[in-house]
Amino acid sequence: MKKLFTVFLIALLPAIYSIAQTSLDFEDVIGAYQGDNGEKFVQPLADVVTANFNSGLYHNAVAPKLGLQIYVGVKGMIGFIPDKNKTFMAQPPGYFEPQDLVEAPTLMGSSDAVVVDGENSTQAAFPGGLEVNWIPLAVPQLTLGSVYGTNLTLRYFQLGLSEDIGDIQIFGWGLKHNISQWIPGFIPLDLAAGFYLNEFQFTDYVEGSAGMVNLQASYTKLLITVYGGLGYEFSDLSIAYTFEDEESNTELPISYDLQGNNTMRLTAGVALNLGPVKLNVDYNLAYQSTLSFGLGLAFNDK
């Protein structure tokens, strides 16, 4: 268990650095937009963070009708930012003519600003983003069961970064129920239905939740388990921040309440069962796709 926890900390370090670095840079660019432009600018952050949290929640559809079932491990996720989420169509400021929409970088897009010339020698400037291609996440995960084919999955993590950045707090839970037990003589697949909900806070001004209901299927042959699922996602991300303009010595309160664009998700993966050691990897196809992988110790979990 000590070795597994060490692996978890090593896996989490890149995610902590990415979150901390993004948070610091985010302060420099978040005040550049307000209103509809601001929401479109930040939207890709909501998409990738919530998509990551809805990943890695299962690695098979197994849930014995009765009996002890345990999995403890680390789940890692990587959300790769698609090109479509690196730009958005921005509305020029009111003084600028013509009022044609301008393709500008999102928070995840190019760091190069876009400057457009208008009528009467006016200009409109659209700042660059953080030039991020992927966002990682790693969380500890525990699954316990099974009672009448139902098990419980838990996630929890908390870490204080600094007084300026704030804390990382993660709590998630989910239930998986074996539905193949109610279908005698069915094809040799494990089938299950799941419900999962994650709540999180990154720094003092970013918080949200991500949830999913899904159908899962898996098939095990010797050491290999092939699994997949079809899910419906729902998520939100809130940002509340006070931007300090040093030039004018003023403070500007900024807040966004965003919904993740992911709705349907298709998962396909494979797990390797090496005695009590379990390795798995899967790809999640959605509006914001993710790659998930896991390392854990398991009992009665295949």
C-alpha atoms as a PDB file:
ATOM      1  CA  MET A   1       0.000   0.000   0.000  1.00  0.00           C
ATOM      2  CA  LYS A   2       2.879   2.371   0.793  1.00  0.00           C
ATOM      3  CA  LYS A   3       4.392   1.743  -2.643  1.00  0.00           C
ATOM      4  CA  LEU A   4       1.021   2.340  -4.297  1.00  0.00           C
ATOM      5  CA  PHE A   5       0.632   5.648  -2.457  1.00  0.00           C
ATOM      6  CA  THR A   6       4.121   6.691  -3.604  1.00  0.00           C
ATOM      7  CA  VAL A   7       3.141   5.905  -7.203  1.00  0.00           C
ATOM      8  CA  PHE A   8       0.018   8.036  -6.695  1.00  0.00           C
ATOM      9  CA  LEU A   9       2.049  11.046  -5.543  1.00  0.00           C
ATOM     10  CA  ILE A  10       4.459  10.713  -8.471  1.00  0.00           C
ATOM     11  CA  ALA A  11       1.527  10.475 -10.886  1.00  0.00           C
ATOM     12  CA  LEU A  12      -0.138  13.518  -9.356  1.00  0.00           C
ATOM     13  CA  LEU A  13       2.846  15.879  -9.498  1.00  0.00           C
ATOM     14  CA  PRO A  14       2.467  16.841 -13.196  1.00  0.00           C
ATOM     15  CA  ALA A  15      -1.232  17.528 -12.624  1.00  0.00           C
ATOM     16  CA  ILE A  16      -0.537  19.683  -9.564  1.00  0.00           C
ATOM     17  CA  TYR A  17       2.095  21.656 -11.472  1.00  0.00           C
ATOM     18  CA  SER A  18      -0.212  22.092 -14.459  1.00  0.00           C
ATOM     19  CA  ILE A  19      -3.100  23.291 -12.293  1.00  0.00           C
ATOM     20  CA  ALA A  20      -0.886  25.653 -10.304  1.00  0.00           C
ATOM     21  CA  GLN A  21       0.838  27.065 -13.395  1.00  0.00           C
ATOM     22  CA  THR A  22      -2.451  27.463 -15.265  1.00  0.00           C
ATOM     23  CA  SER A  23      -3.957  29.218 -12.242  1.00  0.00           C
ATOM     24  CA  LEU A  24      -1.096  31.717 -12.038  1.00  0.00           C
ATOM     25  CA  ASP A  25      -1.158  32.459 -15.769  1.00  0.00           C
ATOM     26  CA  PHE A  26      -4.942  32.522 -15.704  1.00  0.00           C
ATOM     27  CA  GLU A  27      -4.832  35.554 -13.431  1.00  0.00           C
ATOM     28  CA  ASP A  28      -2.907  37.430 -16.107  1.00  0.00           C
ATOM     29  CA  VAL A  29      -5.447  36.821 -18.885  1.00  0.00           C
ATOM     30  CA  ILE A  30      -8.862  36.385 -17.227  1.00  0.00           C
ATOM     31  CA  GLY A  31      -9.470  40.132 -16.977  1.00  0.00           C
ATOM     32  CA  ALA A  32      -9.108  40.592 -20.713  1.00  0.00           C
ATOM     33  CA  TYR A  33     -12.721  39.694 -21.487  1.00  0.00           C
ATOM     34  CA  GLN A  34     -16.157  40.178 -20.013  1.00  0.00           C
ATOM     35  CA  GLY A  35     -19.643  38.953 -20.821  1.00  0.00           C
ATOM     36  CA  ASP A  36     -20.224  36.601 -23.755  1.00  0.00           C
ATOM     37  CA  ASN A  37     -16.639  36.885 -25.010  1.00  0.00           C
ATOM     38  CA  GLY A  38     -15.358  35.929 -21.578  1.00  0.00           C
ATOM     39  CA  GLU A  39     -17.552  32.839 -21.366  1.00  0.00           C
ATOM     40  CA  LYS A  40     -16.457  31.628 -24.795  1.00  0.00           C
ATOM     41  CA  PHE A  41     -12.828  32.348 -23.899  1.00  0.00           C
ATOM     42  CA  VAL A  42     -12.977  30.195 -20.752  1.00  0.00           C
ATOM     43  CA  GLN A  43     -15.386  27.471 -21.969  1.00  0.00           C
ATOM     44  CA  PRO A  44     -12.643  24.982 -23.056  1.00  0.00           C
ATOM     45  CA  LEU A  45     -11.393  24.896 -19.457  1.00  0.00           C
ATOM     46  CA  ALA A  46     -14.813  23.729 -18.301  1.00  0.00           C
ATOM     47  CA  ASP A  47     -14.933  21.112 -21.055  1.00  0.00           C
ATOM     48  CA  VAL A  48     -11.560  19.512 -20.366  1.00  0.00           C
ATOM     49  CA  VAL A  49     -11.624  19.592 -16.553  1.00  0.00           C
ATOM     50  CA  THR A  50     -15.089  18.073 -16.236  1.00  0.00           C
ATOM     51  CA  ALA A  51     -14.373  15.511 -18.968  1.00  0.00           C
ATOM     52  CA  ASN A  52     -11.302  14.378 -17.032  1.00  0.00           C
ATOM     53  CA  PHE A  53     -13.327  13.892 -13.865  1.00  0.00           C
ATOM     54  CA  ASN A  54     -15.840  11.700 -15.696  1.00  0.00           C
ATOM     55  CA  SER A  55     -13.015   9.428 -16.860  1.00  0.00           C
ATOM     56  CA  GLY A  56     -11.399   6.421 -15.214  1.00  0.00           C
ATOM     57  CA  LEU A  57     -14.448   5.558 -13.149  1.00  0.00           C
ATOM     58  CA  TYR A  58     -14.506   1.848 -14.027  1.00  0.00           C
ATOM     59  CA  HIS A  59     -12.345  -0.814 -15.645  1.00  0.00           C
ATOM     60  CA  ASN A  60     -14.893  -3.618 -15.907  1.00  0.00           C
ATOM     61  CA  ALA A  61     -18.604  -4.259 -15.360  1.00  0.00           C
ATOM     62  CA  VAL A  62     -18.044  -6.814 -12.581  1.00  0.00           C
ATOM     63  CA  ALA A  63     -20.056  -6.679  -9.345  1.00  0.00           C
ATOM     64  CA  PRO A  64     -20.637 -10.060  -7.616  1.00  0.00           C
ATOM     65  CA  LYS A  65     -24.126 -10.658  -6.289  1.00  0.00           C
ATOM     66  CA  LEU A  66     -22.677 -11.174  -2.822  1.00  0.00           C
ATOM     67  CA  GLY A  67     -19.121 -11.256  -1.539  1.00  0.00           C
ATOM     68  CA  LEU A  68     -16.119  -9.067  -0.834  1.00  0.00           C
ATOM     69  CA  GLN A  69     -14.794  -6.980  -3.728  1.00  0.00           C
ATOM     70  CA  ILE A  70     -11.994  -4.431  -3.343  1.00  0.00           C
ATOM     71  CA  TYR A  71     -10.039  -2.170  -5.674  1.00  0.00           C
ATOM     72  CA  VAL A  72      -7.623   0.522  -4.487  1.00  0.00           C
ATOM     73  CA  GLY A  73      -5.485   2.403  -6.942  1.00  0.00           C
ATOM     74  CA  VAL A  74      -4.637   5.504  -8.919  1.00  0.00           C
ATOM     75  CA  LYS A  75      -6.580   6.712 -11.930  1.00  0.00           C
ATOM     76  CA  GLY A  76      -4.917   9.103 -14.340  1.00  0.00           C
ATOM     77  CA  MET A  77      -6.651  11.091 -17.072  1.00  0.00           C
ATOM     78  CA  ILE A  78      -5.440  13.292 -19.906  1.00  0.00           C
ATOM     79  CA  GLY A  79      -7.736  15.605 -21.793  1.00  0.00           C
ATOM     80  CA  PHE A  80      -6.269  16.558 -25.161  1.00  0.00           C
ATOM     81  CA  ILE A  81      -7.472  19.997 -26.290  1.00  0.00           C
ATOM     82  CA  PRO A  82      -8.945  19.706 -29.806  1.00  0.00           C
ATOM     83  CA  ASP A  83      -8.306  22.468 -32.342  1.00  0.00           C
ATOM     84  CA  LYS A  84     -11.988  23.436 -32.261  1.00  0.00           C
ATOM     85  CA  ASN A  85     -11.539  24.472 -28.598  1.00  0.00           C
ATOM     86  CA  LYS A  86      -8.499  26.659 -29.241  1.00  0.00           C
ATOM     87  CA  THR A  87     -10.346  29.473 -31.002  1.00  0.00           C
ATOM     88  CA  PHE A  88     -13.717  31.208 -30.732  1.00  0.00           C
ATOM     89  CA  MET A  89     -15.612  33.884 -32.621  1.00  0.00           C
ATOM     90  CA  ALA A  90     -15.243  37.071 -30.580  1.00  0.00           C
ATOM     91  CA  GLN A  91     -17.449  40.156 -30.721  1.00  0.00           C
ATOM     92  CA  PRO A  92     -15.422  43.393 -31.213  1.00  0.00           C
ATOM     93  CA  PRO A  93     -15.868  46.211 -28.664  1.00  0.00           C
ATOM     94  CA  GLY A  94     -18.699  48.662 -29.218  1.00  0.00           C
ATOM     95  CA  TYR A  95     -16.521  51.475 -30.556  1.00  0.00           C
ATOM     96  CA  PHE A  96     -15.096  49.288 -33.318  1.00  0.00           C
ATOM     97  CA  GLU A  97     -16.429  49.101 -36.865  1.00  0.00           C
ATOM     98  CA  PRO A  98     -17.222  46.850 -38.588  1.00  0.00           C
ATOM     99  CA  GLN A  99     -18.862  44.680 -35.929  1.00  0.00           C
ATOM    100  CA  ASP A 100     -17.889  41.453 -37.705  1.00  0.00           C
ATOM    101  CA  LEU A 101     -16.961  38.497 -35.522  1.00  0.00           C
ATOM    102  CA  VAL A 102     -13.229  37.831 -35.185  1.00  0.00           C
ATOM    103  CA  GLU A 103     -11.547  34.461 -34.738  1.00  0.00           C
ATOM    104  CA  ALA A 104      -9.544  34.776 -31.506  1.00  0.00           C
ATOM    105  CA  PRO A 105      -7.666  32.381 -29.197  1.00  0.00           C
ATOM    106  CA  THR A 106      -9.456  30.786 -26.281  1.00  0.00           C
ATOM    107  CA  LEU A 107      -7.822  30.319 -22.893  1.00  0.00           C
ATOM    108  CA  MET A 108      -6.281  27.095 -24.248  1.00  0.00           C
ATOM    109  CA  GLY A 109      -5.329  28.637 -27.592  1.00  0.00           C
ATOM    110  CA  SER A 110      -2.334  30.394 -29.061  1.00  0.00           C
ATOM    111  CA  SER A 111      -0.450  32.867 -26.902  1.00  0.00           C
ATOM    112  CA  ASP A 112      -0.315  35.289 -29.848  1.00  0.00           C
ATOM    113  CA  ALA A 113      -2.777  38.155 -29.649  1.00  0.00           C
ATOM    114  CA  VAL A 114      -5.013  38.990 -32.595  1.00  0.00           C
ATOM    115  CA  VAL A 115      -5.148  42.661 -33.635  1.00  0.00           C
ATOM    116  CA  VAL A 116      -7.721  43.810 -36.193  1.00  0.00           C
ATOM    117  CA  ASP A 117      -7.753  47.149 -37.998  1.00  0.00           C
ATOM    118  CA  GLY A 118     -11.090  48.915 -38.333  1.00  0.00           C
ATOM    119  CA  GLU A 119     -12.602  52.090 -39.696  1.00  0.00           C
ATOM    120  CA  ASN A 120     -11.245  55.548 -38.786  1.00  0.00           C
ATOM    121  CA  SER A 121      -7.821  54.096 -37.848  1.00  0.00           C
ATOM    122  CA  THR A 122      -9.238  52.144 -34.927  1.00  0.00           C
ATOM    123  CA  GLN A 123      -7.933  48.796 -33.711  1.00  0.00           C
ATOM    124  CA  ALA A 124      -9.394  45.933 -31.694  1.00  0.00           C
ATOM    125  CA  ALA A 125      -7.041  43.653 -29.758  1.00  0.00           C
ATOM    126  CA  PHE A 126      -7.909  40.114 -28.680  1.00  0.00           C
ATOM    127  CA  PRO A 127      -5.356  38.684 -26.226  1.00  0.00           C
ATOM    128  CA  GLY A 128      -3.695  35.319 -26.558  1.00  0.00           C
ATOM    129  CA  GLY A 129      -4.314  32.262 -24.424  1.00  0.00           C
ATOM    130  CA  LEU A 130      -2.074  29.910 -22.481  1.00  0.00           C
ATOM    131  CA  GLU A 131      -1.221  27.664 -25.461  1.00  0.00           C
ATOM    132  CA  VAL A 132      -2.191  24.453 -23.662  1.00  0.00           C
ATOM    133  CA  ASN A 133      -2.446  21.189 -25.606  1.00  0.00           C
ATOM    134  CA  TRP A 134      -3.491  18.869 -22.795  1.00  0.00           C
ATOM    135  CA  ILE A 135      -4.587  18.906 -19.164  1.00  0.00           C
ATOM    136  CA  PRO A 136      -3.716  15.968 -16.857  1.00  0.00           C
ATOM    137  CA  LEU A 137      -5.388  14.747 -13.683  1.00  0.00           C
ATOM    138  CA  ALA A 138      -4.659  11.920 -11.258  1.00  0.00           C
ATOM    139  CA  VAL A 139      -6.823  10.802  -8.336  1.00  0.00           C
ATOM    140  CA  PRO A 140      -6.835   7.950  -5.816  1.00  0.00           C
ATOM    141  CA  GLN A 141      -9.805   5.622  -6.219  1.00  0.00           C
ATOM    142  CA  LEU A 142     -11.364   2.991  -3.960  1.00  0.00           C
ATOM    143  CA  THR A 143     -14.102   0.532  -4.888  1.00  0.00           C
ATOM    144  CA  LEU A 144     -15.869  -1.621  -2.282  1.00  0.00           C
ATOM    145  CA  GLY A 145     -18.592  -4.230  -2.685  1.00  0.00           C
ATOM    146  CA  SER A 146     -20.551  -6.136  -3.316  1.00  0.00           C
ATOM    147  CA  VAL A 147     -24.080  -6.146  -1.892  1.00  0.00           C
ATOM    148  CA  TYR A 148     -26.681  -7.697  -4.189  1.00  0.00           C
ATOM    149  CA  GLY A 149     -24.513  -6.868  -7.173  1.00  0.00           C
ATOM    150  CA  THR A 150     -23.869  -3.251  -6.162  1.00  0.00           C
ATOM    151  CA  ASN A 151     -20.534  -1.657  -5.302  1.00  0.00           C
ATOM    152  CA  LEU A 152     -19.422   1.789  -4.177  1.00  0.00           C
ATOM    153  CA  THR A 153     -16.600   3.843  -5.720  1.00  0.00           C
ATOM    154  CA  LEU A 154     -14.960   6.702  -3.822  1.00  0.00           C
ATOM    155  CA  ARG A 155     -12.466   9.425  -4.711  1.00  0.00           C
ATOM    156  CA  TYR A 156     -10.950  11.869  -2.253  1.00  0.00           C
ATOM    157  CA  PHE A 157      -7.961  14.159  -2.286  1.00  0.00           C
ATOM    158  CA  GLN A 158      -7.014  17.465  -0.662  1.00  0.00           C
ATOM    159  CA  LEU A 159      -3.812  19.445  -0.933  1.00  0.00           C
ATOM    160  CA  GLY A 160      -2.888  22.977   0.091  1.00  0.00           C
ATOM    161  CA  LEU A 161      -0.759  24.663  -2.577  1.00  0.00           C
ATOM    162  CA  SER A 162      -0.112  28.152  -1.227  1.00  0.00           C
ATOM    163  CA  GLU A 163      -1.881  31.147   0.254  1.00  0.00           C
ATOM    164  CA  ASP A 164      -1.935  32.849  -3.154  1.00  0.00           C
ATOM    165  CA  ILE A 165      -3.190  29.845  -5.133  1.00  0.00           C
ATOM    166  CA  GLY A 166      -5.395  28.079  -2.578  1.00  0.00           C
ATOM    167  CA  ASP A 167      -6.211  24.383  -2.284  1.00  0.00           C
ATOM    168  CA  ILE A 168      -7.065  21.417  -4.453  1.00  0.00           C
ATOM    169  CA  GLN A 169     -10.069  19.516  -3.095  1.00  0.00           C
ATOM    170  CA  ILE A 170     -11.647  16.500  -4.758  1.00  0.00           C
ATOM    171  CA  PHE A 171     -14.502  14.285  -3.621  1.00  0.00           C
ATOM    172  CA  GLY A 172     -16.311  11.772  -5.787  1.00  0.00           C
ATOM    173  CA  TRP A 173     -18.600   8.809  -5.352  1.00  0.00           C
ATOM    174  CA  GLY A 174     -20.467   6.366  -7.542  1.00  0.00           C
ATOM    175  CA  LEU A 175     -22.608   3.248  -7.554  1.00  0.00           C
ATOM    176  CA  LYS A 176     -22.424   0.364 -10.015  1.00  0.00           C
ATOM    177  CA  HIS A 177     -25.094  -2.336 -10.199  1.00  0.00           C
ATOM    178  CA  ASN A 178     -24.698  -5.676 -11.963  1.00  0.00           C
ATOM    179  CA  ILE A 179     -27.658  -6.045 -14.331  1.00  0.00           C
ATOM    180  CA  SER A 180     -26.490  -9.248 -16.045  1.00  0.00           C
ATOM    181  CA  GLN A 181     -27.430 -11.171 -12.860  1.00  0.00           C
ATOM    182  CA  TRP A 182     -31.064 -10.507 -13.748  1.00  0.00           C
ATOM    183  CA  ILE A 183     -30.706 -11.990 -17.247  1.00  0.00           C
ATOM    184  CA  PRO A 184     -30.142 -15.776 -16.892  1.00  0.00           C
ATOM    185  CA  GLY A 185     -28.514 -17.426 -19.883  1.00  0.00           C
ATOM    186  CA  PHE A 186     -27.349 -14.132 -21.365  1.00  0.00           C
ATOM    187  CA  ILE A 187     -24.263 -13.956 -23.575  1.00  0.00           C
ATOM    188  CA  PRO A 188     -21.012 -14.284 -21.573  1.00  0.00           C
ATOM    189  CA  LEU A 189     -20.696 -10.591 -20.774  1.00  0.00           C
ATOM    190  CA  ASP A 190     -20.786  -8.728 -17.499  1.00  0.00           C
ATOM    191  CA  LEU A 191     -23.282  -5.878 -17.779  1.00  0.00           C
ATOM    192  CA  ALA A 192     -23.753  -3.057 -15.297  1.00  0.00           C
ATOM    193  CA  ALA A 193     -25.368   0.335 -14.853  1.00  0.00           C
ATOM    194  CA  GLY A 194     -23.503   3.135 -13.095  1.00  0.00           C
ATOM    195  CA  PHE A 195     -24.039   6.565 -11.586  1.00  0.00           C
ATOM    196  CA  TYR A 196     -21.084   8.781 -10.619  1.00  0.00           C
ATOM    197  CA  LEU A 197     -20.665  12.292  -9.251  1.00  0.00           C
ATOM    198  CA  ASN A 198     -17.471  14.287  -8.627  1.00  0.00           C
ATOM    199  CA  GLU A 199     -17.133  17.636  -6.882  1.00  0.00           C
ATOM    200  CA  PHE A 200     -13.914  19.639  -6.962  1.00  0.00           C
ATOM    201  CA  GLN A 201     -12.251  22.949  -6.195  1.00  0.00           C
ATOM    202  CA  PHE A 202      -9.017  24.177  -7.811  1.00  0.00           C
ATOM    203  CA  THR A 203      -7.543  27.286  -6.194  1.00  0.00           C
ATOM    204  CA  ASP A 204      -9.748  29.826  -4.473  1.00  0.00           C
ATOM    205  CA  TYR A 205     -11.796  30.698  -7.538  1.00  0.00           C
ATOM    206  CA  VAL A 206     -12.473  27.587  -9.654  1.00  0.00           C
ATOM    207  CA  GLU A 207     -14.945  24.947  -8.543  1.00  0.00           C
ATOM    208  CA  GLY A 208     -17.428  22.597 -10.157  1.00  0.00           C
ATOM    209  CA  SER A 209     -18.945  19.175 -10.482  1.00  0.00           C
ATOM    210  CA  ALA A 210     -19.057  16.398 -13.058  1.00  0.00           C
ATOM    211  CA  GLY A 211     -21.431  13.456 -13.184  1.00  0.00           C
ATOM    212  CA  MET A 212     -22.388  10.598 -15.441  1.00  0.00           C
ATOM    213  CA  VAL A 213     -24.891   7.771 -15.826  1.00  0.00           C
ATOM    214  CA  ASN A 214     -23.827   4.898 -18.044  1.00  0.00           C
ATOM    215  CA  LEU A 215     -24.169   1.337 -19.218  1.00  0.00           C
ATOM    216  CA  GLN A 216     -21.051  -0.833 -18.948  1.00  0.00           C
ATOM    217  CA  ALA A 217     -20.011  -4.155 -20.467  1.00  0.00           C
ATOM    218  CA  SER A 218     -16.911  -6.306 -20.050  1.00  0.00           C
ATOM    219  CA  TYR A 219     -15.543  -9.700 -21.044  1.00  0.00           C
ATOM    220  CA  THR A 220     -12.633 -11.481 -19.350  1.00  0.00           C
ATOM    221  CA  LYS A 221     -10.474 -14.193 -20.903  1.00  0.00           C
ATOM    222  CA  LEU A 222      -7.508 -15.423 -18.867  1.00  0.00           C
ATOM    223  CA  LEU A 223      -5.524 -12.282 -17.915  1.00  0.00           C
ATOM    224  CA  ILE A 224      -7.281  -9.836 -20.245  1.00  0.00           C
ATOM    225  CA  THR A 225     -10.501  -7.903 -19.688  1.00  0.00           C
ATOM    226  CA  VAL A 226     -12.012  -5.951 -22.561  1.00  0.00           C
ATOM    227  CA  TYR A 227     -14.523  -3.334 -21.429  1.00  0.00           C
ATOM    228  CA  GLY A 228     -16.558  -0.441 -22.695  1.00  0.00           C
ATOM    229  CA  GLY A 229     -19.542   1.730 -22.015  1.00  0.00           C
ATOM    230  CA  LEU A 230     -22.000   4.330 -23.212  1.00  0.00           C
ATOM    231  CA  GLY A 231     -22.678   7.246 -20.900  1.00  0.00           C
ATOM    232  CA  TYR A 232     -24.535  10.524 -20.545  1.00  0.00           C
ATOM    233  CA  GLU A 233     -22.601  13.335 -18.862  1.00  0.00           C
ATOM    234  CA  PHE A 234     -23.611  16.484 -17.009  1.00  0.00           C
ATOM    235  CA  SER A 235     -21.194  19.023 -15.568  1.00  0.00           C
ATOM    236  CA  ASP A 236     -20.657  22.607 -14.493  1.00  0.00           C
ATOM    237  CA  LEU A 237     -17.735  24.858 -13.622  1.00  0.00           C
ATOM    238  CA  SER A 238     -17.852  28.199 -11.803  1.00  0.00           C
ATOM    239  CA  ILE A 239     -15.206  30.899 -11.760  1.00  0.00           C
ATOM    240  CA  ALA A 240     -15.302  33.817  -9.322  1.00  0.00           C
ATOM    241  CA  TYR A 241     -12.318  36.118  -9.381  1.00  0.00           C
ATOM    242  CA  THR A 242     -11.450  39.752  -8.688  1.00  0.00           C
ATOM    243  CA  PHE A 243      -9.173  41.153 -11.379  1.00  0.00           C
ATOM    244  CA  GLU A 244      -6.869  43.949 -10.203  1.00  0.00           C
ATOM    245  CA  ASP A 245      -6.012  46.508 -12.863  1.00  0.00           C
ATOM    246  CA  GLU A 246      -2.696  47.973 -11.738  1.00  0.00           C
ATOM    247  CA  GLU A 247      -2.745  50.778 -14.320  1.00  0.00           C
ATOM    248  CA  SER A 248      -6.067  52.235 -13.151  1.00  0.00           C
ATOM    249  CA  ASN A 249      -5.760  50.910  -9.592  1.00  0.00           C
ATOM    250  CA  THR A 250      -9.243  49.414  -9.777  1.00  0.00           C
ATOM    251  CA  GLU A 251     -10.747  46.017  -9.047  1.00  0.00           C
ATOM    252  CA  LEU A 252     -13.085  44.211 -11.435  1.00  0.00           C
ATOM    253  CA  PRO A 253     -15.175  41.282 -10.141  1.00  0.00           C
ATOM    254  CA  ILE A 254     -15.425  38.522 -12.746  1.00  0.00           C
ATOM    255  CA  SER A 255     -17.641  35.453 -12.534  1.00  0.00           C
ATOM    256  CA  TYR A 256     -18.708  32.730 -14.953  1.00  0.00           C
ATOM    257  CA  ASP A 257     -21.100  29.810 -14.531  1.00  0.00           C
ATOM    258  CA  LEU A 258     -20.361  27.359 -17.326  1.00  0.00           C
ATOM    259  CA  GLN A 259     -21.802  24.025 -18.418  1.00  0.00           C
ATOM    260  CA  GLY A 260     -19.543  21.352 -19.898  1.00  0.00           C
ATOM    261  CA  ASN A 261     -20.259  20.606 -23.562  1.00  0.00           C
ATOM    262  CA  ASN A 262     -19.836  16.857 -23.136  1.00  0.00           C
ATOM    263  CA  THR A 263     -23.101  14.928 -23.196  1.00  0.00           C
ATOM    264  CA  MET A 264     -22.671  11.478 -24.744  1.00  0.00           C
ATOM    265  CA  ARG A 265     -19.490   9.463 -24.132  1.00  0.00           C
ATOM    266  CA  LEU A 266     -18.324   6.188 -25.677  1.00  0.00           C
ATOM    267  CA  THR A 267     -15.628   4.277 -23.788  1.00  0.00           C
ATOM    268  CA  ALA A 268     -13.432   1.413 -24.994  1.00  0.00           C
ATOM    269  CA  GLY A 269     -10.619  -0.084 -22.934  1.00  0.00           C
ATOM    270  CA  VAL A 270      -8.574  -3.074 -21.874  1.00  0.00           C
ATOM    271  CA  ALA A 271      -7.352  -4.238 -18.453  1.00  0.00           C
ATOM    272  CA  LEU A 272      -4.502  -6.581 -17.567  1.00  0.00           C
ATOM    273  CA  ASN A 273      -5.112  -8.767 -14.510  1.00  0.00           C
ATOM    274  CA  LEU A 274      -1.791  -9.830 -12.962  1.00  0.00           C
ATOM    275  CA  GLY A 275      -2.900 -11.484  -9.765  1.00  0.00           C
ATOM    276  CA  PRO A 276      -3.761  -8.695  -7.321  1.00  0.00           C
ATOM    277  CA  VAL A 277      -2.205  -6.077  -9.637  1.00  0.00           C
ATOM    278  CA  LYS A 278      -4.493  -4.478 -12.210  1.00  0.00           C
ATOM    279  CA  LEU A 279      -3.474  -2.241 -15.094  1.00  0.00           C
ATOM    280  CA  ASN A 280      -5.973  -0.625 -17.437  1.00  0.00           C
ATOM    281  CA  VAL A 281      -6.210   1.951 -20.186  1.00  0.00           C
ATOM    282  CA  ASP A 282      -9.192   3.299 -22.107  1.00  0.00           C
ATOM    283  CA  TYR A 283     -10.143   5.982 -24.593  1.00  0.00           C
ATOM    284  CA  ASN A 284     -13.257   8.080 -24.153  1.00  0.00           C
ATOM    285  CA  LEU A 285     -14.772   9.480 -27.340  1.00  0.00           C
ATOM    286  CA  ALA A 286     -16.854  12.624 -26.776  1.00  0.00           C
ATOM    287  CA  TYR A 287     -17.023  16.338 -27.611  1.00  0.00           C
ATOM    288  CA  GLN A 288     -13.960  16.590 -25.335  1.00  0.00           C
ATOM    289  CA  SER A 289     -12.211  13.216 -25.565  1.00  0.00           C
ATOM    290  CA  THR A 290      -9.890  11.844 -22.900  1.00  0.00           C
ATOM    291  CA  LEU A 291      -7.401   9.061 -22.317  1.00  0.00           C
ATOM    292  CA  SER A 292      -7.608   7.237 -18.986  1.00  0.00           C
ATOM    293  CA  PHE A 293      -5.259   4.759 -17.324  1.00  0.00           C
ATOM    294  CA  GLY A 294      -5.087   3.039 -13.962  1.00  0.00           C
ATOM    295  CA  LEU A 295      -2.829   1.087 -11.629  1.00  0.00           C
ATOM    296  CA  GLY A 296      -4.211  -0.669  -8.592  1.00  0.00           C
ATOM    297  CA  LEU A 297      -4.525  -3.664  -6.305  1.00  0.00           C
ATOM    298  CA  ALA A 298      -7.724  -5.696  -6.551  1.00  0.00           C
ATOM    299  CA  PHE A 299      -9.515  -8.651  -5.001  1.00  0.00           C
ATOM    300  CA  ASN A 300     -12.400 -10.466  -6.631  1.00  0.00           C
ATOM    301  CA  ASP A 301     -12.461  -7.793  -9.343  1.00  0.00           C
ATOM    302  CA  LYS A 302     -12.578  -9.719 -12.615  1.00  0.00           C
END
